Amino acid sequence: WDTDLIDHLGVDSLESIDLMNAIEEEFQVNPSLNEANSK
């Protein structure tokens, strides 16, 4: 639950976009890029 995407997993900006797309597909939701980047 406390895993930080950047500090613990090393997610970069390209991977964060891929992650947002994967979340959109998996959960059938439409995340806002600005909002998603703050998480």
PDB file of all heavy atoms in Angstrom:
ATOM      1  N   TRP A   1       0.817  -1.218   0.000  1.00  0.00           N
ATOM      2  CA  TRP A   1       0.000   0.000   0.000  1.00  0.00           C
ATOM      3  C   TRP A   1       0.852   1.270   0.000  1.00  0.00           C
ATOM      4  O   TRP A   1       0.448   2.294  -0.540  1.00  0.00           O
ATOM      5  CB  TRP A   1      -0.942   0.009   1.199  1.00  0.00           C
ATOM      6  CG  TRP A   1      -2.010  -1.024   1.100  1.00  0.00           C
ATOM      7  CD1 TRP A   1      -1.995  -2.282   1.645  1.00  0.00           C
ATOM      8  CD2 TRP A   1      -3.247  -0.918   0.385  1.00  0.00           C
ATOM      9  NE1 TRP A   1      -3.150  -2.958   1.312  1.00  0.00           N
ATOM     10  CE2 TRP A   1      -3.935  -2.139   0.548  1.00  0.00           C
ATOM     11  CE3 TRP A   1      -3.846   0.087  -0.365  1.00  0.00           C
ATOM     12  CZ2 TRP A   1      -5.193  -2.374  -0.010  1.00  0.00           C
ATOM     13  CZ3 TRP A   1      -5.093  -0.148  -0.914  1.00  0.00           C
ATOM     14  CH2 TRP A   1      -5.752  -1.367  -0.739  1.00  0.00           C
ATOM     15  N   ASP A   2       2.039   1.220   0.612  1.00  0.00           N
ATOM     16  CA  ASP A   2       2.883   2.417   0.741  1.00  0.00           C
ATOM     17  C   ASP A   2       3.925   2.550  -0.358  1.00  0.00           C
ATOM     18  O   ASP A   2       4.721   3.487  -0.348  1.00  0.00           O
ATOM     19  CB  ASP A   2       3.596   2.410   2.102  1.00  0.00           C
ATOM     20  CG  ASP A   2       2.614   2.480   3.252  1.00  0.00           C
ATOM     21  OD1 ASP A   2       1.613   3.214   3.136  1.00  0.00           O
ATOM     22  OD2 ASP A   2       2.833   1.781   4.262  1.00  0.00           O
ATOM     23  N   THR A   3       3.942   1.627  -1.304  1.00  0.00           N
ATOM     24  CA  THR A   3       4.930   1.673  -2.380  1.00  0.00           C
ATOM     25  C   THR A   3       4.781   2.964  -3.179  1.00  0.00           C
ATOM     26  O   THR A   3       3.696   3.333  -3.605  1.00  0.00           O
ATOM     27  CB  THR A   3       4.763   0.462  -3.319  1.00  0.00           C
ATOM     28  OG1 THR A   3       4.962  -0.726  -2.559  1.00  0.00           O
ATOM     29  CG2 THR A   3       5.755   0.510  -4.462  1.00  0.00           C
ATOM     30  N   ASP A   4       5.904   3.664  -3.342  1.00  0.00           N
ATOM     31  CA  ASP A   4       5.956   4.899  -4.128  1.00  0.00           C
ATOM     32  C   ASP A   4       6.446   4.529  -5.525  1.00  0.00           C
ATOM     33  O   ASP A   4       7.497   3.897  -5.675  1.00  0.00           O
ATOM     34  CB  ASP A   4       6.917   5.890  -3.457  1.00  0.00           C
ATOM     35  CG  ASP A   4       6.953   7.235  -4.142  1.00  0.00           C
ATOM     36  OD1 ASP A   4       7.399   7.302  -5.306  1.00  0.00           O
ATOM     37  OD2 ASP A   4       6.548   8.218  -3.513  1.00  0.00           O
ATOM     38  N   LEU A   5       5.672   4.907  -6.533  1.00  0.00           N
ATOM     39  CA  LEU A   5       6.009   4.511  -7.899  1.00  0.00           C
ATOM     40  C   LEU A   5       7.380   5.011  -8.331  1.00  0.00           C
ATOM     41  O   LEU A   5       8.112   4.299  -9.030  1.00  0.00           O
ATOM     42  CB  LEU A   5       4.957   5.028  -8.880  1.00  0.00           C
ATOM     43  CG  LEU A   5       3.542   4.486  -8.717  1.00  0.00           C
ATOM     44  CD1 LEU A   5       2.651   5.033  -9.811  1.00  0.00           C
ATOM     45  CD2 LEU A   5       3.517   2.982  -8.724  1.00  0.00           C
ATOM     46  N   ILE A   6       7.725   6.218  -7.946  1.00  0.00           N
ATOM     47  CA  ILE A   6       8.993   6.799  -8.388  1.00  0.00           C
ATOM     48  C   ILE A   6      10.145   6.340  -7.497  1.00  0.00           C
ATOM     49  O   ILE A   6      11.142   5.814  -7.988  1.00  0.00           O
ATOM     50  CB  ILE A   6       8.893   8.335  -8.423  1.00  0.00           C
ATOM     51  CG1 ILE A   6       7.841   8.748  -9.459  1.00  0.00           C
ATOM     52  CG2 ILE A   6      10.252   8.967  -8.735  1.00  0.00           C
ATOM     53  CD1 ILE A   6       7.437  10.198  -9.412  1.00  0.00           C
ATOM     54  N   ASP A   7       9.994   6.507  -6.183  1.00  0.00           N
ATOM     55  CA  ASP A   7      11.086   6.174  -5.264  1.00  0.00           C
ATOM     56  C   ASP A   7      11.364   4.679  -5.160  1.00  0.00           C
ATOM     57  O   ASP A   7      12.519   4.262  -5.113  1.00  0.00           O
ATOM     58  CB  ASP A   7      10.800   6.726  -3.863  1.00  0.00           C
ATOM     59  CG  ASP A   7      10.818   8.245  -3.827  1.00  0.00           C
ATOM     60  OD1 ASP A   7      11.360   8.869  -4.762  1.00  0.00           O
ATOM     61  OD2 ASP A   7      10.270   8.814  -2.859  1.00  0.00           O
ATOM     62  N   HIS A   8      10.319   3.854  -5.115  1.00  0.00           N
ATOM     63  CA  HIS A   8      10.507   2.418  -4.906  1.00  0.00           C
ATOM     64  C   HIS A   8      10.559   1.609  -6.194  1.00  0.00           C
ATOM     65  O   HIS A   8      11.254   0.590  -6.252  1.00  0.00           O
ATOM     66  CB  HIS A   8       9.393   1.856  -4.012  1.00  0.00           C
ATOM     67  CG  HIS A   8       9.337   2.498  -2.669  1.00  0.00           C
ATOM     68  ND1 HIS A   8       8.153   2.808  -2.046  1.00  0.00           N
ATOM     69  CD2 HIS A   8      10.317   2.921  -1.836  1.00  0.00           C
ATOM     70  CE1 HIS A   8       8.402   3.377  -0.883  1.00  0.00           C
ATOM     71  NE2 HIS A   8       9.711   3.457  -0.737  1.00  0.00           N
ATOM     72  N   LEU A   9       9.816   2.040  -7.204  1.00  0.00           N
ATOM     73  CA  LEU A   9       9.739   1.249  -8.443  1.00  0.00           C
ATOM     74  C   LEU A   9      10.460   1.895  -9.615  1.00  0.00           C
ATOM     75  O   LEU A   9      10.579   1.291 -10.674  1.00  0.00           O
ATOM     76  CB  LEU A   9       8.273   0.999  -8.820  1.00  0.00           C
ATOM     77  CG  LEU A   9       7.430   0.260  -7.782  1.00  0.00           C
ATOM     78  CD1 LEU A   9       6.000   0.106  -8.272  1.00  0.00           C
ATOM     79  CD2 LEU A   9       8.035  -1.087  -7.440  1.00  0.00           C
ATOM     80  N   GLY A  10      10.923   3.131  -9.452  1.00  0.00           N
ATOM     81  CA  GLY A  10      11.671   3.798 -10.509  1.00  0.00           C
ATOM     82  C   GLY A  10      10.862   4.116 -11.748  1.00  0.00           C
ATOM     83  O   GLY A  10      11.402   4.156 -12.854  1.00  0.00           O
ATOM     84  N   VAL A  11       9.555   4.339 -11.582  1.00  0.00           N
ATOM     85  CA  VAL A  11       8.698   4.650 -12.731  1.00  0.00           C
ATOM     86  C   VAL A  11       9.105   5.997 -13.314  1.00  0.00           C
ATOM     87  O   VAL A  11       9.203   6.990 -12.596  1.00  0.00           O
ATOM     88  CB  VAL A  11       7.208   4.655 -12.315  1.00  0.00           C
ATOM     89  CG1 VAL A  11       6.325   5.155 -13.435  1.00  0.00           C
ATOM     90  CG2 VAL A  11       6.786   3.254 -11.886  1.00  0.00           C
ATOM     91  N   ASP A  12       9.383   6.018 -14.615  1.00  0.00           N
ATOM     92  CA  ASP A  12       9.736   7.270 -15.287  1.00  0.00           C
ATOM     93  C   ASP A  12       8.503   7.843 -15.987  1.00  0.00           C
ATOM     94  O   ASP A  12       7.419   7.266 -15.917  1.00  0.00           O
ATOM     95  CB  ASP A  12      10.902   7.066 -16.258  1.00  0.00           C
ATOM     96  CG  ASP A  12      10.597   6.082 -17.382  1.00  0.00           C
ATOM     97  OD1 ASP A  12       9.410   5.882 -17.719  1.00  0.00           O
ATOM     98  OD2 ASP A  12      11.552   5.516 -17.934  1.00  0.00           O
ATOM     99  N   SER A  13       8.675   8.968 -16.666  1.00  0.00           N
ATOM    100  CA  SER A  13       7.522   9.643 -17.264  1.00  0.00           C
ATOM    101  C   SER A  13       6.853   8.802 -18.357  1.00  0.00           C
ATOM    102  O   SER A  13       5.629   8.785 -18.461  1.00  0.00           O
ATOM    103  CB  SER A  13       7.926  11.015 -17.813  1.00  0.00           C
ATOM    104  OG  SER A  13       8.959  10.875 -18.764  1.00  0.00           O
ATOM    105  N   LEU A  14       7.627   8.078 -19.143  1.00  0.00           N
ATOM    106  CA  LEU A  14       7.047   7.229 -20.183  1.00  0.00           C
ATOM    107  C   LEU A  14       6.266   6.074 -19.561  1.00  0.00           C
ATOM    108  O   LEU A  14       5.146   5.763 -19.980  1.00  0.00           O
ATOM    109  CB  LEU A  14       8.142   6.682 -21.112  1.00  0.00           C
ATOM    110  CG  LEU A  14       7.670   5.842 -22.286  1.00  0.00           C
ATOM    111  CD1 LEU A  14       6.694   6.635 -23.160  1.00  0.00           C
ATOM    112  CD2 LEU A  14       8.851   5.384 -23.106  1.00  0.00           C
ATOM    113  N   GLU A  15       6.841   5.456 -18.532  1.00  0.00           N
ATOM    114  CA  GLU A  15       6.142   4.365 -17.854  1.00  0.00           C
ATOM    115  C   GLU A  15       4.874   4.850 -17.157  1.00  0.00           C
ATOM    116  O   GLU A  15       3.889   4.118 -17.079  1.00  0.00           O
ATOM    117  CB  GLU A  15       7.059   3.676 -16.836  1.00  0.00           C
ATOM    118  CG  GLU A  15       8.112   2.808 -17.479  1.00  0.00           C
ATOM    119  CD  GLU A  15       9.095   2.233 -16.486  1.00  0.00           C
ATOM    120  OE1 GLU A  15       9.494   2.945 -15.542  1.00  0.00           O
ATOM    121  OE2 GLU A  15       9.473   1.064 -16.656  1.00  0.00           O
ATOM    122  N   SER A  16       4.888   6.089 -16.670  1.00  0.00           N
ATOM    123  CA  SER A  16       3.684   6.603 -16.003  1.00  0.00           C
ATOM    124  C   SER A  16       2.538   6.756 -16.999  1.00  0.00           C
ATOM    125  O   SER A  16       1.383   6.493 -16.676  1.00  0.00           O
ATOM    126  CB  SER A  16       3.960   7.915 -15.253  1.00  0.00           C
ATOM    127  OG  SER A  16       4.227   8.956 -16.148  1.00  0.00           O
ATOM    128  N   ILE A  17       2.856   7.138 -18.233  1.00  0.00           N
ATOM    129  CA  ILE A  17       1.826   7.226 -19.276  1.00  0.00           C
ATOM    130  C   ILE A  17       1.327   5.823 -19.624  1.00  0.00           C
ATOM    131  O   ILE A  17       0.119   5.596 -19.749  1.00  0.00           O
ATOM    132  CB  ILE A  17       2.356   7.961 -20.516  1.00  0.00           C
ATOM    133  CG1 ILE A  17       2.583   9.439 -20.173  1.00  0.00           C
ATOM    134  CG2 ILE A  17       1.393   7.817 -21.697  1.00  0.00           C
ATOM    135  CD1 ILE A  17       3.331  10.211 -21.221  1.00  0.00           C
ATOM    136  N   ASP A  18       2.260   4.873 -19.742  1.00  0.00           N
ATOM    137  CA  ASP A  18       1.871   3.484 -20.000  1.00  0.00           C
ATOM    138  C   ASP A  18       0.991   2.950 -18.869  1.00  0.00           C
ATOM    139  O   ASP A  18       0.009   2.256 -19.113  1.00  0.00           O
ATOM    140  CB  ASP A  18       3.103   2.588 -20.155  1.00  0.00           C
ATOM    141  CG  ASP A  18       3.874   2.840 -21.441  1.00  0.00           C
ATOM    142  OD1 ASP A  18       3.303   3.476 -22.363  1.00  0.00           O
ATOM    143  OD2 ASP A  18       5.049   2.426 -21.513  1.00  0.00           O
ATOM    144  N   LEU A  19       1.353   3.301 -17.640  1.00  0.00           N
ATOM    145  CA  LEU A  19       0.575   2.861 -16.489  1.00  0.00           C
ATOM    146  C   LEU A  19      -0.831   3.450 -16.525  1.00  0.00           C
ATOM    147  O   LEU A  19      -1.809   2.743 -16.282  1.00  0.00           O
ATOM    148  CB  LEU A  19       1.279   3.238 -15.186  1.00  0.00           C
ATOM    149  CG  LEU A  19       0.518   2.917 -13.898  1.00  0.00           C
ATOM    150  CD1 LEU A  19       0.231   1.423 -13.794  1.00  0.00           C
ATOM    151  CD2 LEU A  19       1.308   3.398 -12.692  1.00  0.00           C
ATOM    152  N   MET A  20      -0.921   4.726 -16.854  1.00  0.00           N
ATOM    153  CA  MET A  20      -2.236   5.357 -16.931  1.00  0.00           C
ATOM    154  C   MET A  20      -3.093   4.668 -17.996  1.00  0.00           C
ATOM    155  O   MET A  20      -4.272   4.395 -17.772  1.00  0.00           O
ATOM    156  CB  MET A  20      -2.106   6.851 -17.240  1.00  0.00           C
ATOM    157  CG  MET A  20      -3.397   7.595 -17.033  1.00  0.00           C
ATOM    158  SD  MET A  20      -3.231   9.358 -17.174  1.00  0.00           S
ATOM    159  CE  MET A  20      -3.081   9.527 -18.932  1.00  0.00           C
ATOM    160  N   ASN A  21      -2.509   4.344 -19.128  1.00  0.00           N
ATOM    161  CA  ASN A  21      -3.239   3.638 -20.182  1.00  0.00           C
ATOM    162  C   ASN A  21      -3.661   2.239 -19.724  1.00  0.00           C
ATOM    163  O   ASN A  21      -4.766   1.790 -20.010  1.00  0.00           O
ATOM    164  CB  ASN A  21      -2.413   3.549 -21.460  1.00  0.00           C
ATOM    165  CG  ASN A  21      -2.250   4.895 -22.138  1.00  0.00           C
ATOM    166  OD1 ASN A  21      -3.088   5.766 -21.999  1.00  0.00           O
ATOM    167  ND2 ASN A  21      -1.154   5.061 -22.847  1.00  0.00           N
ATOM    168  N   ALA A  22      -2.776   1.564 -18.995  1.00  0.00           N
ATOM    169  CA  ALA A  22      -3.094   0.224 -18.491  1.00  0.00           C
ATOM    170  C   ALA A  22      -4.218   0.285 -17.456  1.00  0.00           C
ATOM    171  O   ALA A  22      -5.101  -0.578 -17.436  1.00  0.00           O
ATOM    172  CB  ALA A  22      -1.846  -0.419 -17.890  1.00  0.00           C
ATOM    173  N   ILE A  23      -4.208   1.310 -16.612  1.00  0.00           N
ATOM    174  CA  ILE A  23      -5.274   1.496 -15.617  1.00  0.00           C
ATOM    175  C   ILE A  23      -6.592   1.769 -16.327  1.00  0.00           C
ATOM    176  O   ILE A  23      -7.630   1.215 -15.968  1.00  0.00           O
ATOM    177  CB  ILE A  23      -4.915   2.626 -14.629  1.00  0.00           C
ATOM    178  CG1 ILE A  23      -3.812   2.151 -13.686  1.00  0.00           C
ATOM    179  CG2 ILE A  23      -6.145   3.099 -13.856  1.00  0.00           C
ATOM    180  CD1 ILE A  23      -3.221   3.240 -12.823  1.00  0.00           C
ATOM    181  N   GLU A  24      -6.529   2.609 -17.332  1.00  0.00           N
ATOM    182  CA  GLU A  24      -7.733   2.929 -18.103  1.00  0.00           C
ATOM    183  C   GLU A  24      -8.332   1.658 -18.699  1.00  0.00           C
ATOM    184  O   GLU A  24      -9.543   1.427 -18.633  1.00  0.00           O
ATOM    185  CB  GLU A  24      -7.384   3.928 -19.201  1.00  0.00           C
ATOM    186  CG  GLU A  24      -8.565   4.468 -19.957  1.00  0.00           C
ATOM    187  CD  GLU A  24      -8.190   5.605 -20.906  1.00  0.00           C
ATOM    188  OE1 GLU A  24      -6.991   5.950 -21.027  1.00  0.00           O
ATOM    189  OE2 GLU A  24      -9.110   6.137 -21.530  1.00  0.00           O
ATOM    190  N   GLU A  25      -7.483   0.809 -19.260  1.00  0.00           N
ATOM    191  CA  GLU A  25      -7.952  -0.426 -19.883  1.00  0.00           C
ATOM    192  C   GLU A  25      -8.444  -1.431 -18.843  1.00  0.00           C
ATOM    193  O   GLU A  25      -9.515  -2.021 -18.995  1.00  0.00           O
ATOM    194  CB  GLU A  25      -6.815  -1.049 -20.705  1.00  0.00           C
ATOM    195  CG  GLU A  25      -7.238  -2.243 -21.509  1.00  0.00           C
ATOM    196  CD  GLU A  25      -6.107  -2.740 -22.390  1.00  0.00           C
ATOM    197  OE1 GLU A  25      -5.478  -1.920 -23.080  1.00  0.00           O
ATOM    198  OE2 GLU A  25      -5.858  -3.961 -22.369  1.00  0.00           O
ATOM    199  N   GLU A  26      -7.684  -1.614 -17.780  1.00  0.00           N
ATOM    200  CA  GLU A  26      -8.032  -2.619 -16.757  1.00  0.00           C
ATOM    201  C   GLU A  26      -9.317  -2.268 -16.006  1.00  0.00           C
ATOM    202  O   GLU A  26     -10.136  -3.119 -15.728  1.00  0.00           O
ATOM    203  CB  GLU A  26      -6.875  -2.766 -15.756  1.00  0.00           C
ATOM    204  CG  GLU A  26      -7.176  -3.648 -14.565  1.00  0.00           C
ATOM    205  CD  GLU A  26      -7.349  -5.126 -14.894  1.00  0.00           C
ATOM    206  OE1 GLU A  26      -6.826  -5.582 -15.932  1.00  0.00           O
ATOM    207  OE2 GLU A  26      -8.008  -5.818 -14.107  1.00  0.00           O
ATOM    208  N   PHE A  27      -9.480  -0.990 -15.663  1.00  0.00           N
ATOM    209  CA  PHE A  27     -10.593  -0.587 -14.806  1.00  0.00           C
ATOM    210  C   PHE A  27     -11.727   0.123 -15.555  1.00  0.00           C
ATOM    211  O   PHE A  27     -12.720   0.493 -14.948  1.00  0.00           O
ATOM    212  CB  PHE A  27     -10.082   0.302 -13.668  1.00  0.00           C
ATOM    213  CG  PHE A  27      -9.144  -0.424 -12.738  1.00  0.00           C
ATOM    214  CD1 PHE A  27      -7.773  -0.334 -12.900  1.00  0.00           C
ATOM    215  CD2 PHE A  27      -9.644  -1.217 -11.716  1.00  0.00           C
ATOM    216  CE1 PHE A  27      -6.906  -1.010 -12.049  1.00  0.00           C
ATOM    217  CE2 PHE A  27      -8.783  -1.906 -10.868  1.00  0.00           C
ATOM    218  CZ  PHE A  27      -7.416  -1.802 -11.034  1.00  0.00           C
ATOM    219  N   GLN A  28     -11.539   0.326 -16.860  1.00  0.00           N
ATOM    220  CA  GLN A  28     -12.560   0.997 -17.669  1.00  0.00           C
ATOM    221  C   GLN A  28     -12.934   2.365 -17.096  1.00  0.00           C
ATOM    222  O   GLN A  28     -14.110   2.696 -16.937  1.00  0.00           O
ATOM    223  CB  GLN A  28     -13.811   0.109 -17.802  1.00  0.00           C
ATOM    224  CG  GLN A  28     -13.539  -1.240 -18.451  1.00  0.00           C
ATOM    225  CD  GLN A  28     -13.001  -1.116 -19.870  1.00  0.00           C
ATOM    226  OE1 GLN A  28     -13.627  -0.500 -20.706  1.00  0.00           O
ATOM    227  NE2 GLN A  28     -11.838  -1.679 -20.134  1.00  0.00           N
ATOM    228  N   VAL A  29     -11.889   3.145 -16.740  1.00  0.00           N
ATOM    229  CA  VAL A  29     -12.069   4.512 -16.243  1.00  0.00           C
ATOM    230  C   VAL A  29     -11.224   5.435 -17.106  1.00  0.00           C
ATOM    231  O   VAL A  29     -10.361   4.987 -17.854  1.00  0.00           O
ATOM    232  CB  VAL A  29     -11.668   4.638 -14.752  1.00  0.00           C
ATOM    233  CG1 VAL A  29     -12.615   3.834 -13.862  1.00  0.00           C
ATOM    234  CG2 VAL A  29     -10.224   4.224 -14.520  1.00  0.00           C
ATOM    235  N   ASN A  30     -11.466   6.742 -16.976  1.00  0.00           N
ATOM    236  CA  ASN A  30     -10.727   7.731 -17.760  1.00  0.00           C
ATOM    237  C   ASN A  30      -9.979   8.676 -16.829  1.00  0.00           C
ATOM    238  O   ASN A  30     -10.488   9.742 -16.482  1.00  0.00           O
ATOM    239  CB  ASN A  30     -11.688   8.530 -18.653  1.00  0.00           C
ATOM    240  CG  ASN A  30     -12.338   7.651 -19.688  1.00  0.00           C
ATOM    241  OD1 ASN A  30     -11.656   6.923 -20.384  1.00  0.00           O
ATOM    242  ND2 ASN A  30     -13.647   7.713 -19.771  1.00  0.00           N
ATOM    243  N   PRO A  31      -8.763   8.291 -16.431  1.00  0.00           N
ATOM    244  CA  PRO A  31      -8.006   9.158 -15.532  1.00  0.00           C
ATOM    245  C   PRO A  31      -7.557  10.444 -16.226  1.00  0.00           C
ATOM    246  O   PRO A  31      -7.255  10.440 -17.412  1.00  0.00           O
ATOM    247  CB  PRO A  31      -6.801   8.307 -15.132  1.00  0.00           C
ATOM    248  CG  PRO A  31      -6.725   7.199 -16.104  1.00  0.00           C
ATOM    249  CD  PRO A  31      -8.056   7.068 -16.755  1.00  0.00           C
ATOM    250  N   SER A  32      -7.556  11.519 -15.474  1.00  0.00           N
ATOM    251  CA  SER A  32      -7.037  12.794 -15.957  1.00  0.00           C
ATOM    252  C   SER A  32      -5.516  12.754 -15.839  1.00  0.00           C
ATOM    253  O   SER A  32      -4.987  12.366 -14.793  1.00  0.00           O
ATOM    254  CB  SER A  32      -7.608  13.928 -15.091  1.00  0.00           C
ATOM    255  OG  SER A  32      -6.725  15.012 -15.023  1.00  0.00           O
ATOM    256  N   LEU A  33      -4.808  13.148 -16.885  1.00  0.00           N
ATOM    257  CA  LEU A  33      -3.345  13.114 -16.868  1.00  0.00           C
ATOM    258  C   LEU A  33      -2.786  13.934 -15.716  1.00  0.00           C
ATOM    259  O   LEU A  33      -1.921  13.473 -14.978  1.00  0.00           O
ATOM    260  CB  LEU A  33      -2.786  13.608 -18.209  1.00  0.00           C
ATOM    261  CG  LEU A  33      -1.277  13.572 -18.373  1.00  0.00           C
ATOM    262  CD1 LEU A  33      -0.742  12.163 -18.184  1.00  0.00           C
ATOM    263  CD2 LEU A  33      -0.879  14.101 -19.729  1.00  0.00           C
ATOM    264  N   ASN A  34      -3.287  15.157 -15.524  1.00  0.00           N
ATOM    265  CA  ASN A  34      -2.800  16.006 -14.432  1.00  0.00           C
ATOM    266  C   ASN A  34      -3.067  15.376 -13.073  1.00  0.00           C
ATOM    267  O   ASN A  34      -2.192  15.352 -12.200  1.00  0.00           O
ATOM    268  CB  ASN A  34      -3.431  17.399 -14.491  1.00  0.00           C
ATOM    269  CG  ASN A  34      -2.898  18.216 -15.638  1.00  0.00           C
ATOM    270  OD1 ASN A  34      -1.806  17.963 -16.143  1.00  0.00           O
ATOM    271  ND2 ASN A  34      -3.666  19.180 -16.082  1.00  0.00           N
ATOM    272  N   GLU A  35      -4.277  14.885 -12.893  1.00  0.00           N
ATOM    273  CA  GLU A  35      -4.642  14.265 -11.613  1.00  0.00           C
ATOM    274  C   GLU A  35      -3.845  12.990 -11.379  1.00  0.00           C
ATOM    275  O   GLU A  35      -3.324  12.760 -10.297  1.00  0.00           O
ATOM    276  CB  GLU A  35      -6.149  13.985 -11.584  1.00  0.00           C
ATOM    277  CG  GLU A  35      -6.664  13.494 -10.272  1.00  0.00           C
ATOM    278  CD  GLU A  35      -6.678  14.536  -9.176  1.00  0.00           C
ATOM    279  OE1 GLU A  35      -6.701  15.738  -9.478  1.00  0.00           O
ATOM    280  OE2 GLU A  35      -6.662  14.128  -7.996  1.00  0.00           O
ATOM    281  N   ALA A  36      -3.732  12.158 -12.395  1.00  0.00           N
ATOM    282  CA  ALA A  36      -3.011  10.890 -12.268  1.00  0.00           C
ATOM    283  C   ALA A  36      -1.539  11.121 -11.934  1.00  0.00           C
ATOM    284  O   ALA A  36      -0.953  10.375 -11.147  1.00  0.00           O
ATOM    285  CB  ALA A  36      -3.142  10.078 -13.547  1.00  0.00           C
ATOM    286  N   ASN A  37      -0.944  12.151 -12.503  1.00  0.00           N
ATOM    287  CA  ASN A  37       0.471  12.437 -12.239  1.00  0.00           C
ATOM    288  C   ASN A  37       0.730  12.876 -10.810  1.00  0.00           C
ATOM    289  O   ASN A  37       1.859  12.826 -10.344  1.00  0.00           O
ATOM    290  CB  ASN A  37       1.002  13.492 -13.212  1.00  0.00           C
ATOM    291  CG  ASN A  37       1.293  12.905 -14.573  1.00  0.00           C
ATOM    292  OD1 ASN A  37       1.523  11.710 -14.707  1.00  0.00           O
ATOM    293  ND2 ASN A  37       1.269  13.734 -15.591  1.00  0.00           N
ATOM    294  N   SER A  38      -0.315  13.304 -10.096  1.00  0.00           N
ATOM    295  CA  SER A  38      -0.130  13.727  -8.709  1.00  0.00           C
ATOM    296  C   SER A  38      -0.200  12.545  -7.746  1.00  0.00           C
ATOM    297  O   SER A  38       0.064  12.698  -6.562  1.00  0.00           O
ATOM    298  CB  SER A  38      -1.176  14.777  -8.324  1.00  0.00           C
ATOM    299  OG  SER A  38      -2.459  14.185  -8.228  1.00  0.00           O
ATOM    300  N   LYS A  39      -0.542  11.369  -8.246  1.00  0.00           N
ATOM    301  CA  LYS A  39      -0.659  10.169  -7.409  1.00  0.00           C
ATOM    302  C   LYS A  39       0.631   9.373  -7.497  1.00  0.00           C
ATOM    303  O   LYS A  39       1.004   8.911  -8.565  1.00  0.00           O
ATOM    304  CB  LYS A  39      -1.829   9.287  -7.860  1.00  0.00           C
ATOM    305  CG  LYS A  39      -3.139  10.010  -8.081  1.00  0.00           C
ATOM    306  CD  LYS A  39      -3.628  10.713  -6.854  1.00  0.00           C
ATOM    307  CE  LYS A  39      -4.968  11.383  -7.122  1.00  0.00           C
ATOM    308  NZ  LYS A  39      -5.261  12.443  -6.197  1.00  0.00           N
TER     309      LYS A  39
END
